[in-house]
Amino acid sequence: MNTLSSHVLDTTLGKPAKGIALTLTLPDGSTLSGETDNDGRFKNWGLVDDSGFPAGIYNLRFHCKSYLIETHGSSFYPHIDITFELTENGGHYHVPLLISPFGFSSYRGS
């Protein structure tokens, strides 16, 4: 079974990024959405059953423009897309995002 979580950190402030909207596009083209909590985290995708995410290619969009403008006064990125692949029975996947008004990075977390 595959599970998925994310965490957004503002590297300029050294703090979690609260209130960033997320859109996850599944391999079949359907989408799920959510928003980071006070600690910049999100994991409750609201799947209909407990079977987790199937193997396939996913796209996770972080809608960061409004957060960056509100927090820093400017944003070069209206959104950031991270495309990744889940394998069959890959376990837990964690996709963190480190952001600033003019840069970002990501990696496979744990």
Protein backbone atom coordinates (compact mmCIF):
# COMPACT_ATOMS: atom_id res chain seq x y z
CA MET A 1 0.00 0.00 0.00
CA ASN A 2 1.23 3.49 -0.86
CA THR A 3 0.62 6.54 1.30
CA LEU A 4 1.57 10.13 0.53
CA SER A 5 2.34 13.21 2.59
CA SER A 6 3.94 16.60 2.00
CA HIS A 7 5.59 19.35 4.00
CA VAL A 8 6.32 22.91 2.85
CA LEU A 9 9.05 24.94 4.53
CA ASP A 10 9.79 28.61 3.92
CA THR A 11 13.59 28.72 3.77
CA THR A 12 13.70 32.52 3.97
CA LEU A 13 11.93 32.55 7.33
CA GLY A 14 13.07 29.13 8.50
CA LYS A 15 9.45 28.26 9.29
CA PRO A 16 6.64 26.03 7.98
CA ALA A 17 4.51 27.48 5.18
CA LYS A 18 0.91 27.48 6.39
CA GLY A 19 -2.10 27.68 4.05
CA ILE A 20 -0.58 26.59 0.74
CA ALA A 21 -3.15 24.91 -1.48
CA LEU A 22 -2.15 21.57 -3.03
CA THR A 23 -3.56 19.75 -6.04
CA LEU A 24 -2.58 16.13 -6.64
CA THR A 25 -3.21 14.73 -10.13
CA LEU A 26 -3.50 10.94 -10.12
CA PRO A 27 -2.44 8.64 -12.97
CA ASP A 28 -6.04 8.44 -14.22
CA GLY A 29 -6.26 12.26 -14.48
CA SER A 30 -8.50 12.75 -11.46
CA THR A 31 -7.45 15.25 -8.81
CA LEU A 32 -7.43 15.57 -5.04
CA SER A 33 -6.76 18.76 -3.12
CA GLY A 34 -5.85 20.07 0.29
CA GLU A 35 -4.02 22.80 2.17
CA THR A 36 -0.99 22.79 4.42
CA ASP A 37 -1.70 23.04 8.14
CA ASN A 38 -0.05 25.30 10.76
CA ASP A 39 3.08 23.12 10.60
CA GLY A 40 3.20 23.27 6.77
CA ARG A 41 2.13 19.62 6.48
CA PHE A 42 -0.58 17.79 4.57
CA LYS A 43 -1.47 14.09 4.41
CA ASN A 44 -5.26 13.73 4.50
CA TRP A 45 -6.06 13.22 0.82
CA GLY A 46 -9.55 11.87 1.55
CA LEU A 47 -9.24 8.62 -0.37
CA VAL A 48 -12.54 6.78 -0.66
CA ASP A 49 -11.06 3.48 0.56
CA ASP A 50 -8.06 2.41 2.62
CA SER A 51 -6.16 0.78 -0.25
CA GLY A 52 -3.80 3.77 -0.64
CA PHE A 53 -2.46 5.16 -3.88
CA PRO A 54 -1.93 2.87 -6.88
CA ALA A 55 1.39 2.71 -8.68
CA GLY A 56 1.82 5.33 -11.40
CA ILE A 57 2.96 8.81 -12.24
CA TYR A 58 1.59 11.67 -10.14
CA ASN A 59 1.83 15.44 -10.25
CA LEU A 60 1.71 17.50 -7.06
CA ARG A 61 1.06 21.20 -7.62
CA PHE A 62 1.84 23.67 -4.86
CA HIS A 63 -0.15 26.90 -5.35
CA CYS A 64 2.41 29.15 -3.66
CA LYS A 65 1.96 32.59 -5.25
CA SER A 66 -0.48 34.06 -2.74
CA TYR A 67 1.53 32.74 0.22
CA LEU A 68 4.80 34.17 -1.11
CA ILE A 69 3.29 37.56 -1.99
CA GLU A 70 1.55 37.82 1.38
CA THR A 71 4.65 36.72 3.30
CA HIS A 72 7.49 38.20 1.23
CA GLY A 73 5.91 40.78 -1.09
CA SER A 74 6.80 38.97 -4.31
CA SER A 75 6.79 35.59 -6.01
CA PHE A 76 8.55 34.44 -9.15
CA TYR A 77 6.55 31.19 -9.11
CA PRO A 78 2.74 31.19 -9.37
CA HIS A 79 2.87 27.46 -8.64
CA ILE A 80 5.41 24.67 -8.41
CA ASP A 81 4.78 21.26 -9.98
CA ILE A 82 6.57 18.14 -8.83
CA THR A 83 6.04 15.02 -10.90
CA PHE A 84 7.02 11.69 -9.37
CA GLU A 85 6.35 7.97 -9.70
CA LEU A 86 4.92 5.65 -7.05
CA THR A 87 5.81 1.98 -7.37
CA GLU A 88 3.62 -0.98 -6.45
CA ASN A 89 3.71 -1.46 -2.66
CA GLY A 90 6.32 1.30 -2.33
CA GLY A 91 5.19 2.20 1.18
CA HIS A 92 5.12 5.76 2.42
CA TYR A 93 6.11 8.59 0.09
CA HIS A 94 6.86 12.04 1.43
CA VAL A 95 7.30 15.00 -0.94
CA PRO A 96 8.73 18.01 0.89
CA LEU A 97 9.07 21.41 -0.73
CA LEU A 98 11.52 24.10 0.36
CA ILE A 99 10.48 27.51 -0.97
CA SER A 100 11.55 31.13 -1.08
CA PRO A 101 10.26 33.94 -3.32
CA PHE A 102 12.87 33.14 -5.98
CA GLY A 103 13.82 29.49 -5.50
CA PHE A 104 12.65 26.03 -4.50
CA SER A 105 13.90 22.48 -4.05
CA SER A 106 12.41 19.10 -3.28
CA TYR A 107 13.48 15.54 -2.55
CA ARG A 108 11.96 12.22 -1.54
CA GLY A 109 11.62 12.43 2.22
CA SER A 110 10.70 9.81 4.75
